[in-house]
Every structure is written in C-alpha cells, then in structure tokens.
Amino acid sequence: MPKTRRDTRADPSFRPADIYSFHTAPLPPGIASKTSRYAAIKVLDVKNGEIFYTVLDGIFDAPPSLADVVGRPPLVNTRLAFDGKSACHVNRITDENGLREFRHVGMAPLTGDQYPGQGKPVQR
C-alpha cells in the first residue's frame, strides 16, 4: 500500500502553536489492519524550511478536538534507547508525511513544558 503524501510545499502554513491530529499506524509497520487510535502533534517552531514539533501525550478513540488536547504535555519517550525526554522532532517541511487522516485541529499557546528551550524558540 503506498504511503499518503501531503505536499507541504503547497501548504507553507505551518505555524508555531498549530495542533494536528492523525490516525496512528499499527506496529509493526506494514500490517494492513487499522487501529482505532488517534494522537496529536503540536508545532513548536518553523524556520529554515524545517518544522519542529512535539507529540502530545494522549491516545484517543476518534480524532481529538482542540478541547481534548489543549494543555496536554509532550509525550515522554521511555522505551528502547530513549531516556525520558519529550518526544520532540524536526522534519523538513518538504518531507513525506505518512500520517493518516492528518488534519489541523486548531491553535493553543505554547507552554514552557512543550518547548525544549523552556519557552524559548528552538535553536539549530
């Protein structure tokens, strides 16, 4: 099954504080069955063609609303080689987005616990 591609070059509207929901993928990748789980990411910064974001803590049975995700902390990675840090990532805006049912939920202010730099913009 081909991956869904969202051409973000045609949609340069990612902004800090944007929240997006997505349908989670089954593990291991490649299994054809669907999950009934949804999650959300929050954009931390956008600069130099890159999007910095965090995965928010929480799993939902349906696409979450803005009320469902406002105030949620970042997901904390504790499995495998992760050491309990927030699930913060960076991707080029033009990277393929394999997230299913990826949609804008709304905006919510950035909080210090969501920003790796304690409320300061991410530096690269």
PDB file of N, CA and C in Angstrom:
ATOM      1  N   MET A   1       0.844  -1.170   0.000  1.00  0.00           N
ATOM      2  CA  MET A   1       0.000   0.000   0.000  1.00  0.00           C
ATOM      3  C   MET A   1       0.896   1.241   0.000  1.00  0.00           C
ATOM      4  N   PRO A   2       0.703   2.166  -0.945  1.00  0.00           N
ATOM      5  CA  PRO A   2       1.555   3.358  -0.988  1.00  0.00           C
ATOM      6  C   PRO A   2       1.245   4.293   0.175  1.00  0.00           C
ATOM      7  N   LYS A   3       2.277   5.009   0.604  1.00  0.00           N
ATOM      8  CA  LYS A   3       2.101   5.971   1.687  1.00  0.00           C
ATOM      9  C   LYS A   3       1.311   7.174   1.183  1.00  0.00           C
ATOM     10  N   THR A   4       0.546   7.769   2.072  1.00  0.00           N
ATOM     11  CA  THR A   4      -0.144   9.007   1.758  1.00  0.00           C
ATOM     12  C   THR A   4       0.887  10.120   1.758  1.00  0.00           C
ATOM     13  N   ARG A   5       0.835  10.953   0.774  1.00  0.00           N
ATOM     14  CA  ARG A   5       1.783  12.067   0.720  1.00  0.00           C
ATOM     15  C   ARG A   5       1.015  13.372   0.802  1.00  0.00           C
ATOM     16  N   ARG A   6       1.424  14.204   1.710  1.00  0.00           N
ATOM     17  CA  ARG A   6       0.850  15.535   1.841  1.00  0.00           C
ATOM     18  C   ARG A   6       1.901  16.495   1.340  1.00  0.00           C
ATOM     19  N   ASP A   7       1.638  17.184   0.247  1.00  0.00           N
ATOM     20  CA  ASP A   7       2.627  18.077  -0.342  1.00  0.00           C
ATOM     21  C   ASP A   7       2.649  19.381   0.447  1.00  0.00           C
ATOM     22  N   THR A   8       3.500  19.437   1.458  1.00  0.00           N
ATOM     23  CA  THR A   8       3.542  20.611   2.324  1.00  0.00           C
ATOM     24  C   THR A   8       4.173  21.808   1.610  1.00  0.00           C
ATOM     25  N   ARG A   9       4.837  21.580   0.492  1.00  0.00           N
ATOM     26  CA  ARG A   9       5.374  22.724  -0.242  1.00  0.00           C
ATOM     27  C   ARG A   9       4.237  23.612  -0.730  1.00  0.00           C
ATOM     28  N   ALA A  10       3.077  23.013  -0.995  1.00  0.00           N
ATOM     29  CA  ALA A  10       1.916  23.775  -1.437  1.00  0.00           C
ATOM     30  C   ALA A  10       1.145  24.342  -0.251  1.00  0.00           C
ATOM     31  N   ASP A  11       1.514  23.986   0.954  1.00  0.00           N
ATOM     32  CA  ASP A  11       0.827  24.434   2.165  1.00  0.00           C
ATOM     33  C   ASP A  11       1.861  24.877   3.191  1.00  0.00           C
ATOM     34  N   PRO A  12       2.457  26.057   2.972  1.00  0.00           N
ATOM     35  CA  PRO A  12       3.502  26.520   3.882  1.00  0.00           C
ATOM     36  C   PRO A  12       2.942  27.170   5.136  1.00  0.00           C
ATOM     37  N   SER A  13       1.746  26.784   5.520  1.00  0.00           N
ATOM     38  CA  SER A  13       1.053  27.484   6.597  1.00  0.00           C
ATOM     39  C   SER A  13       1.324  26.932   7.988  1.00  0.00           C
ATOM     40  N   PHE A  14       2.269  26.007   8.148  1.00  0.00           N
ATOM     41  CA  PHE A  14       2.590  25.545   9.498  1.00  0.00           C
ATOM     42  C   PHE A  14       3.028  26.738  10.334  1.00  0.00           C
ATOM     43  N   ARG A  15       2.451  26.883  11.527  1.00  0.00           N
ATOM     44  CA  ARG A  15       2.796  27.989  12.416  1.00  0.00           C
ATOM     45  C   ARG A  15       3.021  27.452  13.818  1.00  0.00           C
ATOM     46  N   PRO A  16       3.932  28.085  14.589  1.00  0.00           N
ATOM     47  CA  PRO A  16       4.078  27.684  15.977  1.00  0.00           C
ATOM     48  C   PRO A  16       2.719  27.755  16.679  1.00  0.00           C
ATOM     49  N   ALA A  17       2.441  26.752  17.493  1.00  0.00           N
ATOM     50  CA  ALA A  17       1.203  26.606  18.272  1.00  0.00           C
ATOM     51  C   ALA A  17       0.104  25.874  17.506  1.00  0.00           C
ATOM     52  N   ASP A  18       0.309  25.558  16.223  1.00  0.00           N
ATOM     53  CA  ASP A  18      -0.664  24.743  15.486  1.00  0.00           C
ATOM     54  C   ASP A  18      -0.704  23.338  16.066  1.00  0.00           C
ATOM     55  N   ILE A  19      -1.892  22.751  16.114  1.00  0.00           N
ATOM     56  CA  ILE A  19      -2.062  21.375  16.567  1.00  0.00           C
ATOM     57  C   ILE A  19      -2.719  20.586  15.441  1.00  0.00           C
ATOM     58  N   TYR A  20      -2.167  19.390  15.172  1.00  0.00           N
ATOM     59  CA  TYR A  20      -2.680  18.493  14.144  1.00  0.00           C
ATOM     60  C   TYR A  20      -2.980  17.141  14.771  1.00  0.00           C
ATOM     61  N   SER A  21      -4.046  16.505  14.309  1.00  0.00           N
ATOM     62  CA  SER A  21      -4.340  15.141  14.755  1.00  0.00           C
ATOM     63  C   SER A  21      -4.008  14.181  13.621  1.00  0.00           C
ATOM     64  N   PHE A  22      -3.832  12.908  13.981  1.00  0.00           N
ATOM     65  CA  PHE A  22      -3.568  11.885  12.973  1.00  0.00           C
ATOM     66  C   PHE A  22      -4.016  10.532  13.496  1.00  0.00           C
ATOM     67  N   HIS A  23      -4.277   9.632  12.570  1.00  0.00           N
ATOM     68  CA  HIS A  23      -4.663   8.254  12.874  1.00  0.00           C
ATOM     69  C   HIS A  23      -3.372   7.463  13.042  1.00  0.00           C
ATOM     70  N   THR A  24      -3.182   6.828  14.183  1.00  0.00           N
ATOM     71  CA  THR A  24      -1.923   6.117  14.422  1.00  0.00           C
ATOM     72  C   THR A  24      -1.814   4.891  13.523  1.00  0.00           C
ATOM     73  N   ALA A  25      -0.596   4.506  13.246  1.00  0.00           N
ATOM     74  CA  ALA A  25      -0.331   3.338  12.407  1.00  0.00           C
ATOM     75  C   ALA A  25      -0.105   2.112  13.289  1.00  0.00           C
ATOM     76  N   PRO A  26      -0.481   0.932  12.791  1.00  0.00           N
ATOM     77  CA  PRO A  26      -0.236  -0.281  13.574  1.00  0.00           C
ATOM     78  C   PRO A  26       1.256  -0.598  13.626  1.00  0.00           C
ATOM     79  N   LEU A  27       1.651  -1.301  14.668  1.00  0.00           N
ATOM     80  CA  LEU A  27       3.034  -1.778  14.777  1.00  0.00           C
ATOM     81  C   LEU A  27       3.033  -3.289  14.682  1.00  0.00           C
ATOM     82  N   PRO A  28       3.938  -3.907  13.983  1.00  0.00           N
ATOM     83  CA  PRO A  28       4.970  -3.276  13.172  1.00  0.00           C
ATOM     84  C   PRO A  28       4.383  -2.663  11.906  1.00  0.00           C
ATOM     85  N   PRO A  29       5.138  -1.711  11.295  1.00  0.00           N
ATOM     86  CA  PRO A  29       4.660  -1.086  10.058  1.00  0.00           C
ATOM     87  C   PRO A  29       4.396  -2.142   8.984  1.00  0.00           C
ATOM     88  N   GLY A  30       3.462  -1.853   8.121  1.00  0.00           N
ATOM     89  CA  GLY A  30       3.163  -2.769   7.030  1.00  0.00           C
ATOM     90  C   GLY A  30       1.975  -3.672   7.287  1.00  0.00           C
ATOM     91  N   ILE A  31       1.503  -3.729   8.519  1.00  0.00           N
ATOM     92  CA  ILE A  31       0.313  -4.523   8.807  1.00  0.00           C
ATOM     93  C   ILE A  31      -0.882  -3.778   8.227  1.00  0.00           C
ATOM     94  N   ALA A  32      -1.726  -4.476   7.520  1.00  0.00           N
ATOM     95  CA  ALA A  32      -2.821  -3.834   6.803  1.00  0.00           C
ATOM     96  C   ALA A  32      -3.962  -3.387   7.711  1.00  0.00           C
ATOM     97  N   SER A  33      -4.066  -3.939   8.904  1.00  0.00           N
ATOM     98  CA  SER A  33      -5.203  -3.590   9.753  1.00  0.00           C
ATOM     99  C   SER A  33      -5.105  -2.151  10.243  1.00  0.00           C
ATOM    100  N   LYS A  34      -6.259  -1.566  10.500  1.00  0.00           N
ATOM    101  CA  LYS A  34      -6.317  -0.207  11.029  1.00  0.00           C
ATOM    102  C   LYS A  34      -6.384  -0.256  12.545  1.00  0.00           C
ATOM    103  N   THR A  35      -5.849   0.764  13.165  1.00  0.00           N
ATOM    104  CA  THR A  35      -6.030   0.911  14.606  1.00  0.00           C
ATOM    105  C   THR A  35      -7.238   1.818  14.815  1.00  0.00           C
ATOM    106  N   SER A  36      -7.724   1.865  16.003  1.00  0.00           N
ATOM    107  CA  SER A  36      -8.803   2.808  16.328  1.00  0.00           C
ATOM    108  C   SER A  36      -8.250   3.873  17.267  1.00  0.00           C
ATOM    109  N   ARG A  37      -6.979   4.232  17.032  1.00  0.00           N
ATOM    110  CA  ARG A  37      -6.299   5.180  17.905  1.00  0.00           C
ATOM    111  C   ARG A  37      -5.878   6.422  17.126  1.00  0.00           C
ATOM    112  N   TYR A  38      -6.026   7.552  17.790  1.00  0.00           N
ATOM    113  CA  TYR A  38      -5.629   8.835  17.217  1.00  0.00           C
ATOM    114  C   TYR A  38      -4.714   9.536  18.205  1.00  0.00           C
ATOM    115  N   ALA A  39      -3.859  10.402  17.692  1.00  0.00           N
ATOM    116  CA  ALA A  39      -2.934  11.162  18.528  1.00  0.00           C
ATOM    117  C   ALA A  39      -2.812  12.566  17.938  1.00  0.00           C
ATOM    118  N   ALA A  40      -1.973  13.400  18.567  1.00  0.00           N
ATOM    119  CA  ALA A  40      -1.825  14.779  18.106  1.00  0.00           C
ATOM    120  C   ALA A  40      -0.380  15.241  18.236  1.00  0.00           C
ATOM    121  N   ILE A  41      -0.019  16.181  17.373  1.00  0.00           N
ATOM    122  CA  ILE A  41       1.283  16.840  17.448  1.00  0.00           C
ATOM    123  C   ILE A  41       1.040  18.340  17.576  1.00  0.00           C
ATOM    124  N   LYS A  42       2.042  19.027  18.136  1.00  0.00           N
ATOM    125  CA  LYS A  42       1.971  20.480  18.254  1.00  0.00           C
ATOM    126  C   LYS A  42       3.232  21.071  17.648  1.00  0.00           C
ATOM    127  N   VAL A  43       3.061  22.054  16.766  1.00  0.00           N
ATOM    128  CA  VAL A  43       4.187  22.721  16.124  1.00  0.00           C
ATOM    129  C   VAL A  43       4.838  23.673  17.127  1.00  0.00           C
ATOM    130  N   LEU A  44       6.154  23.529  17.294  1.00  0.00           N
ATOM    131  CA  LEU A  44       6.910  24.377  18.209  1.00  0.00           C
ATOM    132  C   LEU A  44       7.547  25.550  17.492  1.00  0.00           C
ATOM    133  N   ASP A  45       8.048  25.300  16.279  1.00  0.00           N
ATOM    134  CA  ASP A  45       8.737  26.357  15.537  1.00  0.00           C
ATOM    135  C   ASP A  45       8.811  25.942  14.073  1.00  0.00           C
ATOM    136  N   VAL A  46       8.902  26.922  13.207  1.00  0.00           N
ATOM    137  CA  VAL A  46       9.086  26.694  11.781  1.00  0.00           C
ATOM    138  C   VAL A  46      10.134  27.680  11.320  1.00  0.00           C
ATOM    139  N   LYS A  47      11.254  27.146  10.819  1.00  0.00           N
ATOM    140  CA  LYS A  47      12.270  28.049  10.295  1.00  0.00           C
ATOM    141  C   LYS A  47      13.234  27.291   9.399  1.00  0.00           C
ATOM    142  N   ASN A  48      13.785  28.022   8.443  1.00  0.00           N
ATOM    143  CA  ASN A  48      14.761  27.471   7.500  1.00  0.00           C
ATOM    144  C   ASN A  48      14.249  26.210   6.814  1.00  0.00           C
ATOM    145  N   GLY A  49      12.958  26.179   6.492  1.00  0.00           N
ATOM    146  CA  GLY A  49      12.395  25.032   5.782  1.00  0.00           C
ATOM    147  C   GLY A  49      12.174  23.805   6.641  1.00  0.00           C
ATOM    148  N   GLU A  50      12.256  23.957   7.973  1.00  0.00           N
ATOM    149  CA  GLU A  50      12.067  22.823   8.873  1.00  0.00           C
ATOM    150  C   GLU A  50      10.923  23.111   9.834  1.00  0.00           C
ATOM    151  N   ILE A  51      10.260  22.037  10.241  1.00  0.00           N
ATOM    152  CA  ILE A  51       9.185  22.130  11.217  1.00  0.00           C
ATOM    153  C   ILE A  51       9.617  21.367  12.472  1.00  0.00           C
ATOM    154  N   PHE A  52       9.589  22.054  13.604  1.00  0.00           N
ATOM    155  CA  PHE A  52       9.934  21.466  14.896  1.00  0.00           C
ATOM    156  C   PHE A  52       8.615  21.196  15.608  1.00  0.00           C
ATOM    157  N   TYR A  53       8.430  19.987  16.108  1.00  0.00           N
ATOM    158  CA  TYR A  53       7.150  19.646  16.716  1.00  0.00           C
ATOM    159  C   TYR A  53       7.334  18.654  17.855  1.00  0.00           C
ATOM    160  N   THR A  54       6.293  18.536  18.670  1.00  0.00           N
ATOM    161  CA  THR A  54       6.274  17.551  19.735  1.00  0.00           C
ATOM    162  C   THR A  54       5.002  16.723  19.592  1.00  0.00           C
ATOM    163  N   VAL A  55       5.113  15.457  19.950  1.00  0.00           N
ATOM    164  CA  VAL A  55       3.950  14.586  20.013  1.00  0.00           C
ATOM    165  C   VAL A  55       3.325  14.818  21.386  1.00  0.00           C
ATOM    166  N   LEU A  56       2.021  15.090  21.415  1.00  0.00           N
ATOM    167  CA  LEU A  56       1.345  15.336  22.685  1.00  0.00           C
ATOM    168  C   LEU A  56       0.943  14.025  23.349  1.00  0.00           C
ATOM    169  N   ASP A  57       0.970  14.002  24.669  1.00  0.00           N
ATOM    170  CA  ASP A  57       0.588  12.817  25.422  1.00  0.00           C
ATOM    171  C   ASP A  57      -0.913  12.590  25.258  1.00  0.00           C
ATOM    172  N   GLY A  58      -1.290  11.369  24.992  1.00  0.00           N
ATOM    173  CA  GLY A  58      -2.709  11.036  24.885  1.00  0.00           C
ATOM    174  C   GLY A  58      -3.025  10.226  23.651  1.00  0.00           C
ATOM    175  N   ILE A  59      -3.877   9.256  23.820  1.00  0.00           N
ATOM    176  CA  ILE A  59      -4.406   8.435  22.734  1.00  0.00           C
ATOM    177  C   ILE A  59      -5.919   8.585  22.788  1.00  0.00           C
ATOM    178  N   PHE A  60      -6.540   8.719  21.627  1.00  0.00           N
ATOM    179  CA  PHE A  60      -7.970   8.991  21.548  1.00  0.00           C
ATOM    180  C   PHE A  60      -8.652   7.962  20.652  1.00  0.00           C
ATOM    181  N   ASP A  61      -9.935   7.701  20.910  1.00  0.00           N
ATOM    182  CA  ASP A  61     -10.715   6.752  20.104  1.00  0.00           C
ATOM    183  C   ASP A  61     -11.226   7.358  18.805  1.00  0.00           C
ATOM    184  N   ALA A  62     -11.162   8.663  18.688  1.00  0.00           N
ATOM    185  CA  ALA A  62     -11.606   9.392  17.499  1.00  0.00           C
ATOM    186  C   ALA A  62     -10.679  10.589  17.339  1.00  0.00           C
ATOM    187  N   PRO A  63     -10.700  11.255  16.184  1.00  0.00           N
ATOM    188  CA  PRO A  63      -9.844  12.435  16.048  1.00  0.00           C
ATOM    189  C   PRO A  63     -10.132  13.417  17.188  1.00  0.00           C
ATOM    190  N   PRO A  64      -9.097  13.831  17.923  1.00  0.00           N
ATOM    191  CA  PRO A  64      -9.327  14.711  19.062  1.00  0.00           C
ATOM    192  C   PRO A  64      -9.732  16.119  18.633  1.00  0.00           C
ATOM    193  N   SER A  65     -10.523  16.752  19.474  1.00  0.00           N
ATOM    194  CA  SER A  65     -10.882  18.156  19.271  1.00  0.00           C
ATOM    195  C   SER A  65      -9.818  19.019  19.944  1.00  0.00           C
ATOM    196  N   LEU A  66      -9.888  20.303  19.710  1.00  0.00           N
ATOM    197  CA  LEU A  66      -8.955  21.212  20.358  1.00  0.00           C
ATOM    198  C   LEU A  66      -9.103  21.124  21.884  1.00  0.00           C
ATOM    199  N   ALA A  67     -10.343  21.029  22.368  1.00  0.00           N
ATOM    200  CA  ALA A  67     -10.573  20.908  23.816  1.00  0.00           C
ATOM    201  C   ALA A  67      -9.925  19.645  24.390  1.00  0.00           C
ATOM    202  N   ASP A  68      -9.850  18.581  23.589  1.00  0.00           N
ATOM    203  CA  ASP A  68      -9.238  17.329  24.050  1.00  0.00           C
ATOM    204  C   ASP A  68      -7.731  17.459  24.265  1.00  0.00           C
ATOM    205  N   VAL A  69      -7.080  18.328  23.498  1.00  0.00           N
ATOM    206  CA  VAL A  69      -5.613  18.357  23.523  1.00  0.00           C
ATOM    207  C   VAL A  69      -4.998  19.592  24.162  1.00  0.00           C
ATOM    208  N   VAL A  70      -5.778  20.652  24.348  1.00  0.00           N
ATOM    209  CA  VAL A  70      -5.228  21.869  24.966  1.00  0.00           C
ATOM    210  C   VAL A  70      -4.688  21.530  26.356  1.00  0.00           C
ATOM    211  N   GLY A  71      -3.468  21.961  26.624  1.00  0.00           N
ATOM    212  CA  GLY A  71      -2.863  21.745  27.934  1.00  0.00           C
ATOM    213  C   GLY A  71      -2.196  20.396  28.120  1.00  0.00           C
ATOM    214  N   ARG A  72      -2.288  19.504  27.126  1.00  0.00           N
ATOM    215  CA  ARG A  72      -1.622  18.199  27.260  1.00  0.00           C
ATOM    216  C   ARG A  72      -0.118  18.397  27.175  1.00  0.00           C
ATOM    217  N   PRO A  73       0.631  17.697  28.005  1.00  0.00           N
ATOM    218  CA  PRO A  73       2.093  17.797  27.946  1.00  0.00           C
ATOM    219  C   PRO A  73       2.642  16.972  26.782  1.00  0.00           C
ATOM    220  N   PRO A  74       3.897  17.166  26.466  1.00  0.00           N
ATOM    221  CA  PRO A  74       4.517  16.322  25.441  1.00  0.00           C
ATOM    222  C   PRO A  74       4.582  14.867  25.903  1.00  0.00           C
ATOM    223  N   LEU A  75       4.514  13.970  24.961  1.00  0.00           N
ATOM    224  CA  LEU A  75       4.716  12.549  25.238  1.00  0.00           C
ATOM    225  C   LEU A  75       6.163  12.373  25.697  1.00  0.00           C
ATOM    226  N   VAL A  76       6.385  11.535  26.681  1.00  0.00           N
ATOM    227  CA  VAL A  76       7.740  11.272  27.178  1.00  0.00           C
ATOM    228  C   VAL A  76       8.186   9.914  26.651  1.00  0.00           C
ATOM    229  N   ASN A  77       9.336   9.909  25.973  1.00  0.00           N
ATOM    230  CA  ASN A  77       9.898   8.664  25.431  1.00  0.00           C
ATOM    231  C   ASN A  77      10.670   7.935  26.530  1.00  0.00           C
ATOM    232  N   THR A  78      10.254   6.700  26.823  1.00  0.00           N
ATOM    233  CA  THR A  78      10.967   5.920  27.846  1.00  0.00           C
ATOM    234  C   THR A  78      11.351   4.534  27.355  1.00  0.00           C
ATOM    235  N   ARG A  79      10.963   4.157  26.154  1.00  0.00           N
ATOM    236  CA  ARG A  79      11.273   2.802  25.693  1.00  0.00           C
ATOM    237  C   ARG A  79      12.545   2.794  24.845  1.00  0.00           C
ATOM    238  N   LEU A  80      13.121   1.618  24.713  1.00  0.00           N
ATOM    239  CA  LEU A  80      14.339   1.400  23.935  1.00  0.00           C
ATOM    240  C   LEU A  80      15.443   2.339  24.403  1.00  0.00           C
ATOM    241  N   ALA A  81      16.053   3.086  23.489  1.00  0.00           N
ATOM    242  CA  ALA A  81      17.206   3.913  23.838  1.00  0.00           C
ATOM    243  C   ALA A  81      16.819   5.299  24.352  1.00  0.00           C
ATOM    244  N   PHE A  82      15.520   5.585  24.456  1.00  0.00           N
ATOM    245  CA  PHE A  82      15.101   6.900  24.924  1.00  0.00           C
ATOM    246  C   PHE A  82      15.294   7.014  26.433  1.00  0.00           C
ATOM    247  N   ASP A  83      15.530   8.220  26.898  1.00  0.00           N
ATOM    248  CA  ASP A  83      15.865   8.404  28.312  1.00  0.00           C
ATOM    249  C   ASP A  83      14.892   9.311  29.054  1.00  0.00           C
ATOM    250  N   GLY A  84      13.632   9.292  28.673  1.00  0.00           N
ATOM    251  CA  GLY A  84      12.635  10.076  29.388  1.00  0.00           C
ATOM    252  C   GLY A  84      12.490  11.507  28.928  1.00  0.00           C
ATOM    253  N   LYS A  85      13.049  11.844  27.778  1.00  0.00           N
ATOM    254  CA  LYS A  85      12.910  13.198  27.246  1.00  0.00           C
ATOM    255  C   LYS A  85      11.619  13.312  26.440  1.00  0.00           C
ATOM    256  N   SER A  86      11.177  14.537  26.238  1.00  0.00           N
ATOM    257  CA  SER A  86       9.975  14.792  25.447  1.00  0.00           C
ATOM    258  C   SER A  86      10.155  14.308  24.017  1.00  0.00           C
ATOM    259  N   ALA A  87       9.055  13.866  23.429  1.00  0.00           N
ATOM    260  CA  ALA A  87       9.063  13.382  22.050  1.00  0.00           C
ATOM    261  C   ALA A  87       9.025  14.584  21.104  1.00  0.00           C
ATOM    262  N   CYS A  88      10.161  15.261  20.965  1.00  0.00           N
ATOM    263  CA  CYS A  88      10.301  16.412  20.076  1.00  0.00           C
ATOM    264  C   CYS A  88      11.094  15.978  18.848  1.00  0.00           C
ATOM    265  N   HIS A  89      10.657  16.461  17.691  1.00  0.00           N
ATOM    266  CA  HIS A  89      11.262  16.035  16.430  1.00  0.00           C
ATOM    267  C   HIS A  89      11.387  17.219  15.489  1.00  0.00           C
ATOM    268  N   VAL A  90      12.170  17.025  14.443  1.00  0.00           N
ATOM    269  CA  VAL A  90      12.289  18.013  13.384  1.00  0.00           C
ATOM    270  C   VAL A  90      12.257  17.283  12.047  1.00  0.00           C
ATOM    271  N   ASN A  91      11.537  17.859  11.095  1.00  0.00           N
ATOM    272  CA  ASN A  91      11.487  17.337   9.734  1.00  0.00           C
ATOM    273  C   ASN A  91      11.535  18.509   8.771  1.00  0.00           C
ATOM    274  N   ARG A  92      12.064  18.258   7.586  1.00  0.00           N
ATOM    275  CA  ARG A  92      11.983  19.272   6.541  1.00  0.00           C
ATOM    276  C   ARG A  92      10.515  19.400   6.145  1.00  0.00           C
ATOM    277  N   ILE A  93      10.075  20.582   5.869  1.00  0.00           N
ATOM    278  CA  ILE A  93       8.676  20.805   5.504  1.00  0.00           C
ATOM    279  C   ILE A  93       8.323  20.006   4.257  1.00  0.00           C
ATOM    280  N   THR A  94       9.284  19.760   3.388  1.00  0.00           N
ATOM    281  CA  THR A  94       9.016  19.025   2.154  1.00  0.00           C
ATOM    282  C   THR A  94       9.082  17.514   2.324  1.00  0.00           C
ATOM    283  N   ASP A  95       9.406  17.014   3.531  1.00  0.00           N
ATOM    284  CA  ASP A  95       9.455  15.569   3.755  1.00  0.00           C
ATOM    285  C   ASP A  95       8.092  14.936   3.533  1.00  0.00           C
ATOM    286  N   GLU A  96       8.111  13.676   3.155  1.00  0.00           N
ATOM    287  CA  GLU A  96       6.859  12.940   3.004  1.00  0.00           C
ATOM    288  C   GLU A  96       6.194  12.794   4.361  1.00  0.00           C
ATOM    289  N   ASN A  97       4.901  13.009   4.358  1.00  0.00           N
ATOM    290  CA  ASN A  97       4.124  12.864   5.592  1.00  0.00           C
ATOM    291  C   ASN A  97       3.294  11.600   5.438  1.00  0.00           C
ATOM    292  N   GLY A  98       3.687  10.537   6.123  1.00  0.00           N
ATOM    293  CA  GLY A  98       2.962   9.275   6.045  1.00  0.00           C
ATOM    294  C   GLY A  98       1.844   9.163   7.062  1.00  0.00           C
ATOM    295  N   LEU A  99       1.538  10.266   7.753  1.00  0.00           N
ATOM    296  CA  LEU A  99       0.485  10.221   8.756  1.00  0.00           C
ATOM    297  C   LEU A  99      -0.880  10.157   8.089  1.00  0.00           C
ATOM    298  N   ARG A 100      -1.710   9.239   8.579  1.00  0.00           N
ATOM    299  CA  ARG A 100      -3.048   9.078   8.013  1.00  0.00           C
ATOM    300  C   ARG A 100      -4.028  10.026   8.693  1.00  0.00           C
ATOM    301  N   GLU A 101      -4.985  10.500   7.925  1.00  0.00           N
ATOM    302  CA  GLU A 101      -6.026  11.410   8.425  1.00  0.00           C
ATOM    303  C   GLU A 101      -5.411  12.597   9.164  1.00  0.00           C
ATOM    304  N   PHE A 102      -4.352  13.147   8.603  1.00  0.00           N
ATOM    305  CA  PHE A 102      -3.631  14.283   9.171  1.00  0.00           C
ATOM    306  C   PHE A 102      -4.472  15.536   8.958  1.00  0.00           C
ATOM    307  N   ARG A 103      -4.879  16.184  10.058  1.00  0.00           N
ATOM    308  CA  ARG A 103      -5.730  17.370   9.910  1.00  0.00           C
ATOM    309  C   ARG A 103      -5.443  18.395  10.999  1.00  0.00           C
ATOM    310  N   HIS A 104      -5.658  19.645  10.632  1.00  0.00           N
ATOM    311  CA  HIS A 104      -5.461  20.754  11.559  1.00  0.00           C
ATOM    312  C   HIS A 104      -6.604  20.772  12.569  1.00  0.00           C
ATOM    313  N   VAL A 105      -6.257  20.848  13.864  1.00  0.00           N
ATOM    314  CA  VAL A 105      -7.252  20.856  14.937  1.00  0.00           C
ATOM    315  C   VAL A 105      -7.497  22.282  15.422  1.00  0.00           C
ATOM    316  N   GLY A 106      -6.449  23.090  15.454  1.00  0.00           N
ATOM    317  CA  GLY A 106      -6.559  24.457  15.945  1.00  0.00           C
ATOM    318  C   GLY A 106      -5.218  24.923  16.460  1.00  0.00           C
ATOM    319  N   MET A 107      -5.250  25.974  17.263  1.00  0.00           N
ATOM    320  CA  MET A 107      -4.027  26.529  17.845  1.00  0.00           C
ATOM    321  C   MET A 107      -4.214  26.666  19.349  1.00  0.00           C
ATOM    322  N   ALA A 108      -3.120  26.500  20.096  1.00  0.00           N
ATOM    323  CA  ALA A 108      -3.122  26.710  21.541  1.00  0.00           C
ATOM    324  C   ALA A 108      -1.752  27.271  21.916  1.00  0.00           C
ATOM    325  N   PRO A 109      -1.703  28.185  22.850  1.00  0.00           N
ATOM    326  CA  PRO A 109      -0.416  28.792  23.218  1.00  0.00           C
ATOM    327  C   PRO A 109       0.631  27.742  23.592  1.00  0.00           C
ATOM    328  N   LEU A 110       1.870  28.053  23.247  1.00  0.00           N
ATOM    329  CA  LEU A 110       2.977  27.190  23.635  1.00  0.00           C
ATOM    330  C   LEU A 110       3.263  27.398  25.114  1.00  0.00           C
ATOM    331  N   THR A 111       3.537  26.313  25.813  1.00  0.00           N
ATOM    332  CA  THR A 111       3.871  26.394  27.229  1.00  0.00           C
ATOM    333  C   THR A 111       5.321  25.958  27.415  1.00  0.00           C
ATOM    334  N   GLY A 112       5.921  26.341  28.531  1.00  0.00           N
ATOM    335  CA  GLY A 112       7.316  26.019  28.798  1.00  0.00           C
ATOM    336  C   GLY A 112       7.610  24.541  28.756  1.00  0.00           C
ATOM    337  N   ASP A 113       6.661  23.681  29.196  1.00  0.00           N
ATOM    338  CA  ASP A 113       6.940  22.245  29.197  1.00  0.00           C
ATOM    339  C   ASP A 113       6.839  21.648  27.795  1.00  0.00           C
ATOM    340  N   GLN A 114       6.253  22.376  26.851  1.00  0.00           N
ATOM    341  CA  GLN A 114       6.187  21.872  25.480  1.00  0.00           C
ATOM    342  C   GLN A 114       7.378  22.328  24.659  1.00  0.00           C
ATOM    343  N   TYR A 115       8.017  23.379  25.101  1.00  0.00           N
ATOM    344  CA  TYR A 115       9.143  23.944  24.377  1.00  0.00           C
ATOM    345  C   TYR A 115      10.427  23.414  24.965  1.00  0.00           C
ATOM    346  N   PRO A 116      11.258  22.727  24.194  1.00  0.00           N
ATOM    347  CA  PRO A 116      12.505  22.182  24.734  1.00  0.00           C
ATOM    348  C   PRO A 116      13.411  23.254  25.340  1.00  0.00           C
ATOM    349  N   GLY A 117      13.316  24.485  24.851  1.00  0.00           N
ATOM    350  CA  GLY A 117      14.173  25.555  25.341  1.00  0.00           C
ATOM    351  C   GLY A 117      13.535  26.348  26.471  1.00  0.00           C
ATOM    352  N   GLN A 118      12.677  25.730  27.265  1.00  0.00           N
ATOM    353  CA  GLN A 118      11.999  26.363  28.396  1.00  0.00           C
ATOM    354  C   GLN A 118      11.289  27.639  27.964  1.00  0.00           C
ATOM    355  N   GLY A 119      10.513  27.527  26.898  1.00  0.00           N
ATOM    356  CA  GLY A 119       9.735  28.658  26.434  1.00  0.00           C
ATOM    357  C   GLY A 119      10.443  29.531  25.419  1.00  0.00           C
ATOM    358  N   LYS A 120      11.672  29.186  25.068  1.00  0.00           N
ATOM    359  CA  LYS A 120      12.430  29.945  24.079  1.00  0.00           C
ATOM    360  C   LYS A 120      12.393  29.179  22.754  1.00  0.00           C
ATOM    361  N   PRO A 121      12.487  29.894  21.624  1.00  0.00           N
ATOM    362  CA  PRO A 121      12.480  29.202  20.329  1.00  0.00           C
ATOM    363  C   PRO A 121      13.601  28.172  20.233  1.00  0.00           C
ATOM    364  N   VAL A 122      13.329  27.105  19.505  1.00  0.00           N
ATOM    365  CA  VAL A 122      14.301  26.040  19.295  1.00  0.00           C
ATOM    366  C   VAL A 122      15.461  26.591  18.473  1.00  0.00           C
ATOM    367  N   GLN A 123      16.684  26.336  18.879  1.00  0.00           N
ATOM    368  CA  GLN A 123      17.873  26.772  18.166  1.00  0.00           C
ATOM    369  C   GLN A 123      18.489  25.609  17.406  1.00  0.00           C
ATOM    370  N   ARG A 124      18.910  25.841  16.172  1.00  0.00           N
ATOM    371  CA  ARG A 124      19.584  24.820  15.378  1.00  0.00           C
ATOM    372  C   ARG A 124      20.821  25.382  14.772  1.00  0.00           C
TER     373      ARG A 124
END
